[in-house]
Amino acid sequence: FLREKMARLLGVVPQVSQGWGPSGSILHDLRRAIKFLPLVISFCVR
């Protein structure tokens, strides 16, 4: 379960930067990445 979650999290940014993702849609992968933005903001700011 952890391996799957980490693979998703770590795989989103490189795939988006290459213009290709597991879904075949940059927009879809961006939405997945944005899902984690509150967490990033929480840890980096608050």
PDB file of all heavy atoms in Angstrom:
ATOM      1  N   PHE A   1       0.836  -1.203   0.000  1.00  0.00           N
ATOM      2  CA  PHE A   1       0.000   0.000   0.000  1.00  0.00           C
ATOM      3  C   PHE A   1       0.871   1.255   0.000  1.00  0.00           C
ATOM      4  O   PHE A   1       0.621   2.207  -0.752  1.00  0.00           O
ATOM      5  CB  PHE A   1      -0.920  -0.017   1.221  1.00  0.00           C
ATOM      6  CG  PHE A   1      -1.895   1.127   1.276  1.00  0.00           C
ATOM      7  CD1 PHE A   1      -3.093   1.075   0.579  1.00  0.00           C
ATOM      8  CD2 PHE A   1      -1.607   2.258   2.013  1.00  0.00           C
ATOM      9  CE1 PHE A   1      -3.984   2.137   0.621  1.00  0.00           C
ATOM     10  CE2 PHE A   1      -2.498   3.324   2.072  1.00  0.00           C
ATOM     11  CZ  PHE A   1      -3.689   3.256   1.364  1.00  0.00           C
ATOM     12  N   LEU A   2       1.913   1.248   0.829  1.00  0.00           N
ATOM     13  CA  LEU A   2       2.821   2.397   0.885  1.00  0.00           C
ATOM     14  C   LEU A   2       3.581   2.539  -0.423  1.00  0.00           C
ATOM     15  O   LEU A   2       3.782   3.648  -0.923  1.00  0.00           O
ATOM     16  CB  LEU A   2       3.798   2.229   2.053  1.00  0.00           C
ATOM     17  CG  LEU A   2       4.851   3.326   2.211  1.00  0.00           C
ATOM     18  CD1 LEU A   2       4.184   4.666   2.485  1.00  0.00           C
ATOM     19  CD2 LEU A   2       5.829   2.972   3.323  1.00  0.00           C
ATOM     20  N   ARG A   3       4.010   1.416  -0.991  1.00  0.00           N
ATOM     21  CA  ARG A   3       4.743   1.449  -2.247  1.00  0.00           C
ATOM     22  C   ARG A   3       3.889   2.079  -3.354  1.00  0.00           C
ATOM     23  O   ARG A   3       4.368   2.889  -4.153  1.00  0.00           O
ATOM     24  CB  ARG A   3       5.171   0.031  -2.624  1.00  0.00           C
ATOM     25  CG  ARG A   3       6.198  -0.024  -3.727  1.00  0.00           C
ATOM     26  CD  ARG A   3       6.922  -1.351  -3.765  1.00  0.00           C
ATOM     27  NE  ARG A   3       5.993  -2.470  -3.824  1.00  0.00           N
ATOM     28  CZ  ARG A   3       5.997  -3.492  -2.976  1.00  0.00           C
ATOM     29  NH1 ARG A   3       6.888  -3.531  -1.987  1.00  0.00           N
ATOM     30  NH2 ARG A   3       5.140  -4.480  -3.091  1.00  0.00           N
ATOM     31  N   GLU A   4       2.614   1.729  -3.365  1.00  0.00           N
ATOM     32  CA  GLU A   4       1.700   2.275  -4.370  1.00  0.00           C
ATOM     33  C   GLU A   4       1.528   3.785  -4.192  1.00  0.00           C
ATOM     34  O   GLU A   4       1.581   4.558  -5.156  1.00  0.00           O
ATOM     35  CB  GLU A   4       0.344   1.578  -4.271  1.00  0.00           C
ATOM     36  CG  GLU A   4      -0.711   2.147  -5.197  1.00  0.00           C
ATOM     37  CD  GLU A   4      -2.102   1.647  -4.861  1.00  0.00           C
ATOM     38  OE1 GLU A   4      -2.228   0.726  -4.023  1.00  0.00           O
ATOM     39  OE2 GLU A   4      -3.059   2.198  -5.421  1.00  0.00           O
ATOM     40  N   LYS A   5       1.330   4.221  -2.933  1.00  0.00           N
ATOM     41  CA  LYS A   5       1.121   5.643  -2.668  1.00  0.00           C
ATOM     42  C   LYS A   5       2.357   6.464  -3.030  1.00  0.00           C
ATOM     43  O   LYS A   5       2.256   7.539  -3.631  1.00  0.00           O
ATOM     44  CB  LYS A   5       0.772   5.850  -1.188  1.00  0.00           C
ATOM     45  CG  LYS A   5      -0.636   5.411  -0.824  1.00  0.00           C
ATOM     46  CD  LYS A   5      -1.658   6.356  -1.423  1.00  0.00           C
ATOM     47  CE  LYS A   5      -3.073   5.958  -1.068  1.00  0.00           C
ATOM     48  NZ  LYS A   5      -4.073   6.845  -1.685  1.00  0.00           N
ATOM     49  N   MET A   6       3.522   5.964  -2.654  1.00  0.00           N
ATOM     50  CA  MET A   6       4.747   6.701  -2.933  1.00  0.00           C
ATOM     51  C   MET A   6       5.025   6.746  -4.430  1.00  0.00           C
ATOM     52  O   MET A   6       5.525   7.745  -4.953  1.00  0.00           O
ATOM     53  CB  MET A   6       5.921   6.066  -2.185  1.00  0.00           C
ATOM     54  CG  MET A   6       5.848   6.201  -0.669  1.00  0.00           C
ATOM     55  SD  MET A   6       5.626   7.900  -0.118  1.00  0.00           S
ATOM     56  CE  MET A   6       7.144   8.648  -0.709  1.00  0.00           C
ATOM     57  N   ALA A   7       4.716   5.656  -5.127  1.00  0.00           N
ATOM     58  CA  ALA A   7       4.916   5.630  -6.576  1.00  0.00           C
ATOM     59  C   ALA A   7       4.041   6.676  -7.258  1.00  0.00           C
ATOM     60  O   ALA A   7       4.472   7.366  -8.190  1.00  0.00           O
ATOM     61  CB  ALA A   7       4.615   4.237  -7.122  1.00  0.00           C
ATOM     62  N   ARG A   8       2.808   6.810  -6.776  1.00  0.00           N
ATOM     63  CA  ARG A   8       1.908   7.818  -7.343  1.00  0.00           C
ATOM     64  C   ARG A   8       2.418   9.223  -7.093  1.00  0.00           C
ATOM     65  O   ARG A   8       2.435  10.068  -7.983  1.00  0.00           O
ATOM     66  CB  ARG A   8       0.511   7.665  -6.754  1.00  0.00           C
ATOM     67  CG  ARG A   8      -0.257   6.459  -7.263  1.00  0.00           C
ATOM     68  CD  ARG A   8      -1.651   6.465  -6.687  1.00  0.00           C
ATOM     69  NE  ARG A   8      -2.431   5.326  -7.153  1.00  0.00           N
ATOM     70  CZ  ARG A   8      -3.689   5.103  -6.794  1.00  0.00           C
ATOM     71  NH1 ARG A   8      -4.289   5.940  -5.951  1.00  0.00           N
ATOM     72  NH2 ARG A   8      -4.339   4.054  -7.252  1.00  0.00           N
ATOM     73  N   LEU A   9       2.831   9.462  -5.836  1.00  0.00           N
ATOM     74  CA  LEU A   9       3.275  10.802  -5.467  1.00  0.00           C
ATOM     75  C   LEU A   9       4.548  11.184  -6.206  1.00  0.00           C
ATOM     76  O   LEU A   9       4.656  12.270  -6.786  1.00  0.00           O
ATOM     77  CB  LEU A   9       3.505  10.878  -3.954  1.00  0.00           C
ATOM     78  CG  LEU A   9       4.059  12.205  -3.422  1.00  0.00           C
ATOM     79  CD1 LEU A   9       3.079  13.331  -3.711  1.00  0.00           C
ATOM     80  CD2 LEU A   9       4.339  12.101  -1.929  1.00  0.00           C
ATOM     81  N   LEU A  10       5.533  10.274  -6.200  1.00  0.00           N
ATOM     82  CA  LEU A  10       6.823  10.573  -6.810  1.00  0.00           C
ATOM     83  C   LEU A  10       6.764  10.541  -8.331  1.00  0.00           C
ATOM     84  O   LEU A  10       7.614  11.117  -9.001  1.00  0.00           O
ATOM     85  CB  LEU A  10       7.873   9.578  -6.300  1.00  0.00           C
ATOM     86  CG  LEU A  10       8.143   9.621  -4.791  1.00  0.00           C
ATOM     87  CD1 LEU A  10       9.132   8.538  -4.396  1.00  0.00           C
ATOM     88  CD2 LEU A  10       8.672  10.984  -4.378  1.00  0.00           C
ATOM     89  N   GLY A  11       5.765   9.843  -8.867  1.00  0.00           N
ATOM     90  CA  GLY A  11       5.697   9.705 -10.312  1.00  0.00           C
ATOM     91  C   GLY A  11       5.001  10.844 -11.017  1.00  0.00           C
ATOM     92  O   GLY A  11       5.166  11.036 -12.221  1.00  0.00           O
ATOM     93  N   VAL A  12       4.234  11.634 -10.278  1.00  0.00           N
ATOM     94  CA  VAL A  12       3.421  12.675 -10.927  1.00  0.00           C
ATOM     95  C   VAL A  12       4.279  13.778 -11.537  1.00  0.00           C
ATOM     96  O   VAL A  12       4.153  14.101 -12.716  1.00  0.00           O
ATOM     97  CB  VAL A  12       2.420  13.275  -9.924  1.00  0.00           C
ATOM     98  CG1 VAL A  12       1.825  14.559 -10.475  1.00  0.00           C
ATOM     99  CG2 VAL A  12       1.317  12.274  -9.643  1.00  0.00           C
ATOM    100  N   VAL A  13       5.198  14.357 -10.758  1.00  0.00           N
ATOM    101  CA  VAL A  13       5.953  15.518 -11.227  1.00  0.00           C
ATOM    102  C   VAL A  13       6.817  15.200 -12.450  1.00  0.00           C
ATOM    103  O   VAL A  13       6.764  15.910 -13.446  1.00  0.00           O
ATOM    104  CB  VAL A  13       6.798  16.112 -10.084  1.00  0.00           C
ATOM    105  CG1 VAL A  13       7.677  17.247 -10.605  1.00  0.00           C
ATOM    106  CG2 VAL A  13       5.884  16.607  -8.970  1.00  0.00           C
ATOM    107  N   PRO A  14       7.643  14.108 -12.414  1.00  0.00           N
ATOM    108  CA  PRO A  14       8.436  13.806 -13.612  1.00  0.00           C
ATOM    109  C   PRO A  14       7.570  13.560 -14.847  1.00  0.00           C
ATOM    110  O   PRO A  14       7.914  13.983 -15.946  1.00  0.00           O
ATOM    111  CB  PRO A  14       9.209  12.553 -13.217  1.00  0.00           C
ATOM    112  CG  PRO A  14       9.221  12.568 -11.734  1.00  0.00           C
ATOM    113  CD  PRO A  14       7.932  13.193 -11.330  1.00  0.00           C
ATOM    114  N   GLN A  15       6.423  12.896 -14.652  1.00  0.00           N
ATOM    115  CA  GLN A  15       5.572  12.586 -15.794  1.00  0.00           C
ATOM    116  C   GLN A  15       4.967  13.857 -16.384  1.00  0.00           C
ATOM    117  O   GLN A  15       4.870  14.017 -17.594  1.00  0.00           O
ATOM    118  CB  GLN A  15       4.465  11.615 -15.365  1.00  0.00           C
ATOM    119  CG  GLN A  15       5.001  10.220 -15.086  1.00  0.00           C
ATOM    120  CD  GLN A  15       4.055   9.422 -14.207  1.00  0.00           C
ATOM    121  OE1 GLN A  15       3.022   9.909 -13.777  1.00  0.00           O
ATOM    122  NE2 GLN A  15       4.413   8.172 -13.947  1.00  0.00           N
ATOM    123  N   VAL A  16       4.574  14.787 -15.500  1.00  0.00           N
ATOM    124  CA  VAL A  16       4.006  16.044 -15.981  1.00  0.00           C
ATOM    125  C   VAL A  16       5.052  16.852 -16.739  1.00  0.00           C
ATOM    126  O   VAL A  16       4.791  17.426 -17.791  1.00  0.00           O
ATOM    127  CB  VAL A  16       3.438  16.863 -14.802  1.00  0.00           C
ATOM    128  CG1 VAL A  16       3.066  18.269 -15.254  1.00  0.00           C
ATOM    129  CG2 VAL A  16       2.219  16.159 -14.225  1.00  0.00           C
ATOM    130  N   SER A  17       6.291  16.879 -16.194  1.00  0.00           N
ATOM    131  CA  SER A  17       7.341  17.669 -16.824  1.00  0.00           C
ATOM    132  C   SER A  17       7.700  17.126 -18.202  1.00  0.00           C
ATOM    133  O   SER A  17       8.177  17.862 -19.062  1.00  0.00           O
ATOM    134  CB  SER A  17       8.582  17.710 -15.930  1.00  0.00           C
ATOM    135  OG  SER A  17       9.130  16.401 -15.805  1.00  0.00           O
ATOM    136  N   GLN A  18       7.491  15.826 -18.422  1.00  0.00           N
ATOM    137  CA  GLN A  18       7.781  15.233 -19.712  1.00  0.00           C
ATOM    138  C   GLN A  18       6.594  15.359 -20.674  1.00  0.00           C
ATOM    139  O   GLN A  18       6.690  14.964 -21.828  1.00  0.00           O
ATOM    140  CB  GLN A  18       8.124  13.753 -19.537  1.00  0.00           C
ATOM    141  CG  GLN A  18       9.409  13.522 -18.735  1.00  0.00           C
ATOM    142  CD  GLN A  18       9.581  12.078 -18.330  1.00  0.00           C
ATOM    143  OE1 GLN A  18       8.840  11.214 -18.805  1.00  0.00           O
ATOM    144  NE2 GLN A  18      10.530  11.816 -17.457  1.00  0.00           N
ATOM    145  N   GLY A  19       5.471  15.872 -20.169  1.00  0.00           N
ATOM    146  CA  GLY A  19       4.307  16.034 -21.018  1.00  0.00           C
ATOM    147  C   GLY A  19       3.552  14.753 -21.248  1.00  0.00           C
ATOM    148  O   GLY A  19       2.788  14.630 -22.193  1.00  0.00           O
ATOM    149  N   TRP A  20       3.776  13.789 -20.385  1.00  0.00           N
ATOM    150  CA  TRP A  20       3.094  12.502 -20.571  1.00  0.00           C
ATOM    151  C   TRP A  20       2.884  11.862 -19.214  1.00  0.00           C
ATOM    152  O   TRP A  20       3.719  11.975 -18.334  1.00  0.00           O
ATOM    153  CB  TRP A  20       3.916  11.592 -21.472  1.00  0.00           C
ATOM    154  CG  TRP A  20       3.190  10.327 -21.854  1.00  0.00           C
ATOM    155  CD1 TRP A  20       3.395   9.091 -21.365  1.00  0.00           C
ATOM    156  CD2 TRP A  20       2.127  10.204 -22.787  1.00  0.00           C
ATOM    157  NE1 TRP A  20       2.542   8.184 -21.943  1.00  0.00           N
ATOM    158  CE2 TRP A  20       1.746   8.847 -22.829  1.00  0.00           C
ATOM    159  CE3 TRP A  20       1.445  11.119 -23.612  1.00  0.00           C
ATOM    160  CZ2 TRP A  20       0.721   8.369 -23.649  1.00  0.00           C
ATOM    161  CZ3 TRP A  20       0.443  10.637 -24.429  1.00  0.00           C
ATOM    162  CH2 TRP A  20       0.093   9.279 -24.440  1.00  0.00           C
ATOM    163  N   GLY A  21       1.776  11.208 -18.998  1.00  0.00           N
ATOM    164  CA  GLY A  21       1.516  10.566 -17.718  1.00  0.00           C
ATOM    165  C   GLY A  21       0.836   9.247 -17.915  1.00  0.00           C
ATOM    166  O   GLY A  21       0.543   8.857 -19.043  1.00  0.00           O
ATOM    167  N   PRO A  22       0.583   8.521 -16.818  1.00  0.00           N
ATOM    168  CA  PRO A  22      -0.037   7.204 -16.930  1.00  0.00           C
ATOM    169  C   PRO A  22      -1.426   7.258 -17.545  1.00  0.00           C
ATOM    170  O   PRO A  22      -1.899   6.291 -18.125  1.00  0.00           O
ATOM    171  CB  PRO A  22      -0.087   6.723 -15.473  1.00  0.00           C
ATOM    172  CG  PRO A  22       0.014   7.959 -14.646  1.00  0.00           C
ATOM    173  CD  PRO A  22       0.866   8.898 -15.436  1.00  0.00           C
ATOM    174  N   SER A  23      -2.080   8.405 -17.424  1.00  0.00           N
ATOM    175  CA  SER A  23      -3.422   8.518 -17.995  1.00  0.00           C
ATOM    176  C   SER A  23      -3.386   8.957 -19.451  1.00  0.00           C
ATOM    177  O   SER A  23      -4.395   8.924 -20.147  1.00  0.00           O
ATOM    178  CB  SER A  23      -4.241   9.530 -17.187  1.00  0.00           C
ATOM    179  OG  SER A  23      -3.655  10.820 -17.343  1.00  0.00           O
ATOM    180  N   GLY A  24      -2.207   9.405 -19.903  1.00  0.00           N
ATOM    181  CA  GLY A  24      -2.105   9.950 -21.248  1.00  0.00           C
ATOM    182  C   GLY A  24      -2.561  11.387 -21.328  1.00  0.00           C
ATOM    183  O   GLY A  24      -2.660  11.959 -22.414  1.00  0.00           O
ATOM    184  N   SER A  25      -2.846  12.017 -20.184  1.00  0.00           N
ATOM    185  CA  SER A  25      -3.357  13.388 -20.165  1.00  0.00           C
ATOM    186  C   SER A  25      -2.566  14.217 -19.167  1.00  0.00           C
ATOM    187  O   SER A  25      -2.524  13.903 -17.987  1.00  0.00           O
ATOM    188  CB  SER A  25      -4.840  13.392 -19.784  1.00  0.00           C
ATOM    189  OG  SER A  25      -5.256  14.697 -19.456  1.00  0.00           O
ATOM    190  N   ILE A  26      -1.931  15.295 -19.669  1.00  0.00           N
ATOM    191  CA  ILE A  26      -1.195  16.186 -18.776  1.00  0.00           C
ATOM    192  C   ILE A  26      -2.153  16.820 -17.765  1.00  0.00           C
ATOM    193  O   ILE A  26      -1.855  16.950 -16.584  1.00  0.00           O
ATOM    194  CB  ILE A  26      -0.492  17.295 -19.589  1.00  0.00           C
ATOM    195  CG1 ILE A  26       0.568  16.668 -20.504  1.00  0.00           C
ATOM    196  CG2 ILE A  26       0.139  18.333 -18.671  1.00  0.00           C
ATOM    197  CD1 ILE A  26       1.271  17.687 -21.383  1.00  0.00           C
ATOM    198  N   LEU A  27      -3.336  17.201 -18.217  1.00  0.00           N
ATOM    199  CA  LEU A  27      -4.317  17.844 -17.358  1.00  0.00           C
ATOM    200  C   LEU A  27      -4.716  16.926 -16.201  1.00  0.00           C
ATOM    201  O   LEU A  27      -4.826  17.355 -15.050  1.00  0.00           O
ATOM    202  CB  LEU A  27      -5.542  18.250 -18.170  1.00  0.00           C
ATOM    203  CG  LEU A  27      -6.637  19.033 -17.400  1.00  0.00           C
ATOM    204  CD1 LEU A  27      -6.058  20.338 -16.849  1.00  0.00           C
ATOM    205  CD2 LEU A  27      -7.827  19.297 -18.310  1.00  0.00           C
ATOM    206  N   HIS A  28      -4.917  15.659 -16.524  1.00  0.00           N
ATOM    207  CA  HIS A  28      -5.298  14.687 -15.491  1.00  0.00           C
ATOM    208  C   HIS A  28      -4.203  14.567 -14.444  1.00  0.00           C
ATOM    209  O   HIS A  28      -4.470  14.550 -13.228  1.00  0.00           O
ATOM    210  CB  HIS A  28      -5.577  13.329 -16.140  1.00  0.00           C
ATOM    211  CG  HIS A  28      -5.951  12.268 -15.165  1.00  0.00           C
ATOM    212  ND1 HIS A  28      -5.013  11.462 -14.538  1.00  0.00           N
ATOM    213  CD2 HIS A  28      -7.166  11.881 -14.690  1.00  0.00           C
ATOM    214  CE1 HIS A  28      -5.627  10.622 -13.734  1.00  0.00           C
ATOM    215  NE2 HIS A  28      -6.930  10.845 -13.802  1.00  0.00           N
ATOM    216  N   ASP A  29      -2.957  14.492 -14.898  1.00  0.00           N
ATOM    217  CA  ASP A  29      -1.853  14.342 -13.947  1.00  0.00           C
ATOM    218  C   ASP A  29      -1.652  15.614 -13.125  1.00  0.00           C
ATOM    219  O   ASP A  29      -1.278  15.552 -11.959  1.00  0.00           O
ATOM    220  CB  ASP A  29      -0.570  13.994 -14.691  1.00  0.00           C
ATOM    221  CG  ASP A  29      -0.603  12.572 -15.247  1.00  0.00           C
ATOM    222  OD1 ASP A  29      -1.255  11.736 -14.606  1.00  0.00           O
ATOM    223  OD2 ASP A  29      -0.009  12.319 -16.297  1.00  0.00           O
ATOM    224  N   LEU A  30      -1.912  16.775 -13.734  1.00  0.00           N
ATOM    225  CA  LEU A  30      -1.819  18.020 -12.976  1.00  0.00           C
ATOM    226  C   LEU A  30      -2.857  18.063 -11.866  1.00  0.00           C
ATOM    227  O   LEU A  30      -2.590  18.525 -10.759  1.00  0.00           O
ATOM    228  CB  LEU A  30      -1.993  19.217 -13.911  1.00  0.00           C
ATOM    229  CG  LEU A  30      -0.758  19.625 -14.726  1.00  0.00           C
ATOM    230  CD1 LEU A  30      -1.115  20.709 -15.721  1.00  0.00           C
ATOM    231  CD2 LEU A  30       0.353  20.105 -13.786  1.00  0.00           C
ATOM    232  N   ARG A  31      -4.053  17.582 -12.176  1.00  0.00           N
ATOM    233  CA  ARG A  31      -5.098  17.538 -11.140  1.00  0.00           C
ATOM    234  C   ARG A  31      -4.668  16.647  -9.986  1.00  0.00           C
ATOM    235  O   ARG A  31      -4.930  16.949  -8.824  1.00  0.00           O
ATOM    236  CB  ARG A  31      -6.415  17.045 -11.754  1.00  0.00           C
ATOM    237  CG  ARG A  31      -7.171  18.119 -12.520  1.00  0.00           C
ATOM    238  CD  ARG A  31      -8.642  17.750 -12.676  1.00  0.00           C
ATOM    239  NE  ARG A  31      -8.810  16.522 -13.438  1.00  0.00           N
ATOM    240  CZ  ARG A  31      -9.059  16.490 -14.739  1.00  0.00           C
ATOM    241  NH1 ARG A  31      -9.140  17.631 -15.427  1.00  0.00           N
ATOM    242  NH2 ARG A  31      -9.212  15.342 -15.365  1.00  0.00           N
ATOM    243  N   ARG A  32      -4.038  15.527 -10.314  1.00  0.00           N
ATOM    244  CA  ARG A  32      -3.547  14.642  -9.248  1.00  0.00           C
ATOM    245  C   ARG A  32      -2.472  15.335  -8.433  1.00  0.00           C
ATOM    246  O   ARG A  32      -2.417  15.205  -7.205  1.00  0.00           O
ATOM    247  CB  ARG A  32      -2.990  13.351  -9.858  1.00  0.00           C
ATOM    248  CG  ARG A  32      -4.064  12.407 -10.371  1.00  0.00           C
ATOM    249  CD  ARG A  32      -3.449  11.225 -11.101  1.00  0.00           C
ATOM    250  NE  ARG A  32      -2.460  10.565 -10.275  1.00  0.00           N
ATOM    251  CZ  ARG A  32      -1.581   9.670 -10.748  1.00  0.00           C
ATOM    252  NH1 ARG A  32      -1.568   9.386 -12.034  1.00  0.00           N
ATOM    253  NH2 ARG A  32      -0.728   9.086  -9.944  1.00  0.00           N
ATOM    254  N   ALA A  33      -1.577  16.053  -9.099  1.00  0.00           N
ATOM    255  CA  ALA A  33      -0.509  16.743  -8.377  1.00  0.00           C
ATOM    256  C   ALA A  33      -1.059  17.829  -7.473  1.00  0.00           C
ATOM    257  O   ALA A  33      -0.615  18.019  -6.340  1.00  0.00           O
ATOM    258  CB  ALA A  33       0.503  17.325  -9.364  1.00  0.00           C
ATOM    259  N   ILE A  34      -2.065  18.586  -8.003  1.00  0.00           N
ATOM    260  CA  ILE A  34      -2.666  19.673  -7.236  1.00  0.00           C
ATOM    261  C   ILE A  34      -3.335  19.151  -5.969  1.00  0.00           C
ATOM    262  O   ILE A  34      -3.405  19.847  -4.947  1.00  0.00           O
ATOM    263  CB  ILE A  34      -3.674  20.444  -8.123  1.00  0.00           C
ATOM    264  CG1 ILE A  34      -2.919  21.228  -9.200  1.00  0.00           C
ATOM    265  CG2 ILE A  34      -4.547  21.380  -7.293  1.00  0.00           C
ATOM    266  CD1 ILE A  34      -3.817  21.843 -10.262  1.00  0.00           C
ATOM    267  N   LYS A  35      -3.789  17.907  -6.013  1.00  0.00           N
ATOM    268  CA  LYS A  35      -4.429  17.317  -4.830  1.00  0.00           C
ATOM    269  C   LYS A  35      -3.509  17.369  -3.615  1.00  0.00           C
ATOM    270  O   LYS A  35      -3.956  17.488  -2.479  1.00  0.00           O
ATOM    271  CB  LYS A  35      -4.818  15.864  -5.143  1.00  0.00           C
ATOM    272  CG  LYS A  35      -5.388  15.111  -3.967  1.00  0.00           C
ATOM    273  CD  LYS A  35      -5.677  13.662  -4.329  1.00  0.00           C
ATOM    274  CE  LYS A  35      -6.177  12.891  -3.106  1.00  0.00           C
ATOM    275  NZ  LYS A  35      -6.407  11.460  -3.411  1.00  0.00           N
ATOM    276  N   PHE A  36      -2.188  17.301  -3.852  1.00  0.00           N
ATOM    277  CA  PHE A  36      -1.245  17.265  -2.744  1.00  0.00           C
ATOM    278  C   PHE A  36      -0.733  18.650  -2.355  1.00  0.00           C
ATOM    279  O   PHE A  36       0.040  18.786  -1.415  1.00  0.00           O
ATOM    280  CB  PHE A  36      -0.041  16.375  -3.101  1.00  0.00           C
ATOM    281  CG  PHE A  36      -0.391  14.925  -3.236  1.00  0.00           C
ATOM    282  CD1 PHE A  36      -0.582  14.350  -4.483  1.00  0.00           C
ATOM    283  CD2 PHE A  36      -0.536  14.125  -2.112  1.00  0.00           C
ATOM    284  CE1 PHE A  36      -0.911  13.016  -4.611  1.00  0.00           C
ATOM    285  CE2 PHE A  36      -0.864  12.786  -2.233  1.00  0.00           C
ATOM    286  CZ  PHE A  36      -1.057  12.220  -3.483  1.00  0.00           C
ATOM    287  N   LEU A  37      -1.173  19.690  -3.069  1.00  0.00           N
ATOM    288  CA  LEU A  37      -0.679  21.029  -2.761  1.00  0.00           C
ATOM    289  C   LEU A  37      -0.982  21.479  -1.334  1.00  0.00           C
ATOM    290  O   LEU A  37      -0.126  22.074  -0.677  1.00  0.00           O
ATOM    291  CB  LEU A  37      -1.246  22.038  -3.767  1.00  0.00           C
ATOM    292  CG  LEU A  37      -0.511  22.115  -5.112  1.00  0.00           C
ATOM    293  CD1 LEU A  37      -1.181  23.138  -6.024  1.00  0.00           C
ATOM    294  CD2 LEU A  37       0.954  22.470  -4.908  1.00  0.00           C
ATOM    295  N   PRO A  38      -2.205  21.236  -0.800  1.00  0.00           N
ATOM    296  CA  PRO A  38      -2.438  21.646   0.595  1.00  0.00           C
ATOM    297  C   PRO A  38      -1.464  21.003   1.574  1.00  0.00           C
ATOM    298  O   PRO A  38      -1.049  21.638   2.545  1.00  0.00           O
ATOM    299  CB  PRO A  38      -3.883  21.179   0.846  1.00  0.00           C
ATOM    300  CG  PRO A  38      -4.501  21.118  -0.503  1.00  0.00           C
ATOM    301  CD  PRO A  38      -3.416  20.691  -1.435  1.00  0.00           C
ATOM    302  N   LEU A  39      -1.121  19.758   1.302  1.00  0.00           N
ATOM    303  CA  LEU A  39      -0.157  19.081   2.181  1.00  0.00           C
ATOM    304  C   LEU A  39       1.207  19.755   2.088  1.00  0.00           C
ATOM    305  O   LEU A  39       1.865  20.011   3.099  1.00  0.00           O
ATOM    306  CB  LEU A  39      -0.042  17.610   1.796  1.00  0.00           C
ATOM    307  CG  LEU A  39       0.968  16.781   2.619  1.00  0.00           C
ATOM    308  CD1 LEU A  39       0.506  16.676   4.055  1.00  0.00           C
ATOM    309  CD2 LEU A  39       1.145  15.408   2.009  1.00  0.00           C
ATOM    310  N   VAL A  40       1.647  20.051   0.872  1.00  0.00           N
ATOM    311  CA  VAL A  40       2.935  20.714   0.675  1.00  0.00           C
ATOM    312  C   VAL A  40       2.943  22.073   1.353  1.00  0.00           C
ATOM    313  O   VAL A  40       3.893  22.452   2.046  1.00  0.00           O
ATOM    314  CB  VAL A  40       3.243  20.854  -0.831  1.00  0.00           C
ATOM    315  CG1 VAL A  40       4.529  21.661  -1.037  1.00  0.00           C
ATOM    316  CG2 VAL A  40       3.366  19.481  -1.474  1.00  0.00           C
ATOM    317  N   ILE A  41       1.861  22.838   1.169  1.00  0.00           N
ATOM    318  CA  ILE A  41       1.765  24.161   1.783  1.00  0.00           C
ATOM    319  C   ILE A  41       1.794  24.047   3.306  1.00  0.00           C
ATOM    320  O   ILE A  41       2.453  24.818   4.000  1.00  0.00           O
ATOM    321  CB  ILE A  41       0.488  24.879   1.319  1.00  0.00           C
ATOM    322  CG1 ILE A  41       0.588  25.192  -0.180  1.00  0.00           C
ATOM    323  CG2 ILE A  41       0.260  26.156   2.120  1.00  0.00           C
ATOM    324  CD1 ILE A  41      -0.707  25.713  -0.783  1.00  0.00           C
ATOM    325  N   SER A  42       1.077  23.042   3.815  1.00  0.00           N
ATOM    326  CA  SER A  42       1.019  22.842   5.264  1.00  0.00           C
ATOM    327  C   SER A  42       2.400  22.600   5.845  1.00  0.00           C
ATOM    328  O   SER A  42       2.775  23.187   6.856  1.00  0.00           O
ATOM    329  CB  SER A  42       0.099  21.663   5.592  1.00  0.00           C
ATOM    330  OG  SER A  42       0.150  21.356   6.955  1.00  0.00           O
ATOM    331  N   PHE A  43       3.168  21.727   5.188  1.00  0.00           N
ATOM    332  CA  PHE A  43       4.484  21.379   5.715  1.00  0.00           C
ATOM    333  C   PHE A  43       5.514  22.478   5.457  1.00  0.00           C
ATOM    334  O   PHE A  43       6.414  22.682   6.272  1.00  0.00           O
ATOM    335  CB  PHE A  43       4.964  20.052   5.113  1.00  0.00           C
ATOM    336  CG  PHE A  43       4.458  18.874   5.867  1.00  0.00           C
ATOM    337  CD1 PHE A  43       3.195  18.349   5.615  1.00  0.00           C
ATOM    338  CD2 PHE A  43       5.220  18.282   6.855  1.00  0.00           C
ATOM    339  CE1 PHE A  43       2.714  17.258   6.321  1.00  0.00           C
ATOM    340  CE2 PHE A  43       4.749  17.182   7.556  1.00  0.00           C
ATOM    341  CZ  PHE A  43       3.493  16.674   7.292  1.00  0.00           C
ATOM    342  N   CYS A  44       5.383  23.179   4.331  1.00  0.00           N
ATOM    343  CA  CYS A  44       6.393  24.169   3.976  1.00  0.00           C
ATOM    344  C   CYS A  44       6.142  25.542   4.598  1.00  0.00           C
ATOM    345  O   CYS A  44       7.072  26.322   4.768  1.00  0.00           O
ATOM    346  CB  CYS A  44       6.484  24.306   2.462  1.00  0.00           C
ATOM    347  SG  CYS A  44       7.086  22.809   1.646  1.00  0.00           S
ATOM    348  N   VAL A  45       4.893  25.840   4.891  1.00  0.00           N
ATOM    349  CA  VAL A  45       4.565  27.167   5.402  1.00  0.00           C
ATOM    350  C   VAL A  45       4.148  27.119   6.864  1.00  0.00           C
ATOM    351  O   VAL A  45       4.754  27.737   7.733  1.00  0.00           O
ATOM    352  CB  VAL A  45       3.454  27.821   4.546  1.00  0.00           C
ATOM    353  CG1 VAL A  45       3.111  29.213   5.099  1.00  0.00           C
ATOM    354  CG2 VAL A  45       3.899  27.922   3.095  1.00  0.00           C
ATOM    355  N   ARG A  46       3.089  26.340   7.151  1.00  0.00           N
ATOM    356  CA  ARG A  46       2.560  26.340   8.517  1.00  0.00           C
ATOM    357  C   ARG A  46       3.433  25.546   9.482  1.00  0.00           C
ATOM    358  O   ARG A  46       3.669  25.982  10.611  1.00  0.00           O
ATOM    359  CB  ARG A  46       1.143  25.762   8.528  1.00  0.00           C
ATOM    360  CG  ARG A  46       0.113  26.645   7.842  1.00  0.00           C
ATOM    361  CD  ARG A  46      -1.295  26.166   8.132  1.00  0.00           C
ATOM    362  NE  ARG A  46      -1.529  24.818   7.657  1.00  0.00           N
ATOM    363  CZ  ARG A  46      -1.935  23.818   8.419  1.00  0.00           C
ATOM    364  NH1 ARG A  46      -2.126  24.008   9.705  1.00  0.00           N
ATOM    365  NH2 ARG A  46      -2.145  22.624   7.903  1.00  0.00           N
TER     366      ARG A  46
END
